[in-house]
Amino acid sequence: MEETHKFNQWLEKELSRRGWSEFRLAKEAGLSHGSVYRIGKGARPGWKAAGAIAAALGLPEELVFRKAGLLGEENGGEVDLEEWKAVLERQEENEREELLRIAYVKIEMREEGG
């Protein structure tokens, strides 16, 4: 139950960050609202639902699978630099620069309490 609670909190933050409702996630993921509602109330998503959520949020499936407890947590939750490296290597140079700028903006926002 601990893993699903963590997943629910994580998913709630992801939706909030995007300004999305459960209805919007359901629509974008091609899931029923009932499925998304049950996940929000503590049901662990299956592989297919977690994959659909990942696609809707534009996140790697592996990340969502780990957050949902479908895959074991690597490195005890520490930053996986190899994963970041693999993701960045797939980006064009201008996209890598944009991602770096976004990361710095997020750090500044967090430090300012925003």
Protein backbone atom coordinates (compact mmCIF):
# COMPACT_ATOMS: atom_id res chain seq x y z
CA MET A 1 0.00 0.00 0.00
CA GLU A 2 2.95 2.32 0.65
CA GLU A 3 4.00 2.21 -3.03
CA THR A 4 0.49 3.07 -4.27
CA HIS A 5 0.27 5.90 -1.74
CA LYS A 6 3.55 7.29 -3.05
CA PHE A 7 2.29 6.85 -6.61
CA ASN A 8 -0.95 8.65 -5.81
CA GLN A 9 0.96 11.57 -4.31
CA TRP A 10 3.35 11.68 -7.25
CA LEU A 11 0.51 11.52 -9.79
CA GLU A 12 -1.42 14.23 -7.96
CA LYS A 13 1.65 16.50 -8.13
CA GLU A 14 2.15 15.75 -11.83
CA LEU A 15 -1.48 16.61 -12.59
CA SER A 16 -1.35 19.74 -10.44
CA ARG A 17 1.85 20.90 -12.11
CA ARG A 18 0.13 20.64 -15.49
CA GLY A 19 -3.18 22.07 -14.29
CA TRP A 20 -4.86 18.80 -15.26
CA SER A 21 -7.85 17.11 -13.68
CA GLU A 22 -8.44 13.37 -13.48
CA PHE A 23 -10.86 13.85 -16.39
CA ARG A 24 -8.12 15.41 -18.51
CA LEU A 25 -5.69 12.62 -17.68
CA ALA A 26 -8.31 10.02 -18.56
CA LYS A 27 -8.95 11.69 -21.91
CA GLU A 28 -5.26 12.15 -22.77
CA ALA A 29 -4.39 8.60 -21.68
CA GLY A 30 -7.37 6.96 -23.35
CA LEU A 31 -8.51 5.53 -20.03
CA SER A 32 -11.94 5.64 -18.44
CA HIS A 33 -12.44 8.24 -15.76
CA GLY A 34 -13.39 5.41 -13.42
CA SER A 35 -9.98 3.81 -13.90
CA VAL A 36 -8.17 7.06 -13.21
CA TYR A 37 -10.42 7.73 -10.20
CA ARG A 38 -9.63 4.28 -8.73
CA ILE A 39 -5.91 4.84 -9.27
CA GLY A 40 -6.25 8.20 -7.52
CA LYS A 41 -7.94 6.48 -4.59
CA GLY A 42 -5.24 3.87 -4.12
CA ALA A 43 -5.59 1.19 -6.78
CA ARG A 44 -2.27 0.26 -8.37
CA PRO A 45 -2.37 0.79 -12.13
CA GLY A 46 -1.59 -2.19 -14.31
CA TRP A 47 1.13 -2.15 -16.93
CA LYS A 48 -1.19 -0.95 -19.71
CA ALA A 49 -2.71 1.87 -17.64
CA ALA A 50 0.71 2.96 -16.35
CA GLY A 51 2.02 3.00 -19.92
CA ALA A 52 -0.95 5.09 -21.04
CA ILE A 53 -0.38 7.52 -18.16
CA ALA A 54 3.29 7.80 -19.11
CA ALA A 55 2.40 8.57 -22.72
CA ALA A 56 -0.21 11.14 -21.70
CA LEU A 57 2.23 12.89 -19.37
CA GLY A 58 5.07 12.66 -21.87
CA LEU A 59 7.24 10.71 -19.43
CA PRO A 60 9.31 7.56 -19.90
CA GLU A 61 7.29 4.42 -19.19
CA GLU A 62 10.04 3.10 -16.93
CA LEU A 63 9.69 6.13 -14.66
CA VAL A 64 5.94 5.68 -14.28
CA PHE A 65 6.32 1.92 -13.83
CA ARG A 66 8.78 2.54 -10.99
CA LYS A 67 6.60 5.22 -9.39
CA ALA A 68 3.66 2.80 -9.51
CA GLY A 69 5.71 0.04 -7.90
CA LEU A 70 5.54 -2.16 -10.99
CA LEU A 71 9.33 -2.14 -11.24
CA GLY A 72 11.70 -2.00 -8.31
CA GLU A 73 13.18 1.35 -7.37
CA GLU A 74 16.74 1.62 -8.64
CA ASN A 75 19.48 3.25 -6.58
CA GLY A 76 17.14 3.68 -3.62
CA GLY A 77 15.47 6.64 -5.34
CA GLU A 78 18.75 8.40 -6.09
CA VAL A 79 19.30 10.14 -9.41
CA ASP A 80 20.15 7.63 -12.13
CA LEU A 81 22.76 9.48 -14.17
CA GLU A 82 22.90 6.73 -16.77
CA GLU A 83 19.19 7.15 -17.46
CA TRP A 84 19.58 10.92 -17.76
CA LYS A 85 22.55 10.44 -20.07
CA ALA A 86 20.55 8.09 -22.30
CA VAL A 87 17.66 10.54 -22.48
CA LEU A 88 19.88 13.51 -23.23
CA GLU A 89 21.79 11.63 -25.92
CA ARG A 90 18.52 11.18 -27.80
CA GLN A 91 17.93 14.95 -27.93
CA GLU A 92 19.19 17.47 -30.45
CA GLU A 93 21.74 19.95 -29.10
CA ASN A 94 19.23 22.82 -28.95
CA GLU A 95 16.78 20.55 -27.07
CA ARG A 96 19.47 19.63 -24.52
CA GLU A 97 20.16 23.33 -23.97
CA GLU A 98 16.44 23.97 -23.52
CA LEU A 99 16.14 21.14 -21.00
CA LEU A 100 19.08 22.54 -19.06
CA ARG A 101 17.44 25.97 -18.95
CA ILE A 102 14.19 24.39 -17.76
CA ALA A 103 16.05 22.55 -15.01
CA TYR A 104 17.65 25.76 -13.78
CA VAL A 105 14.29 27.58 -13.82
CA LYS A 106 12.74 24.75 -11.78
CA ILE A 107 15.57 24.95 -9.26
CA GLU A 108 15.15 28.71 -8.94
CA MET A 109 11.38 28.35 -8.51
CA ARG A 110 11.83 25.72 -5.79
CA GLU A 111 14.40 27.82 -3.97
CA GLU A 112 12.09 30.84 -4.12
CA GLY A 113 9.27 28.74 -2.67
CA GLY A 114 7.25 28.68 -5.90
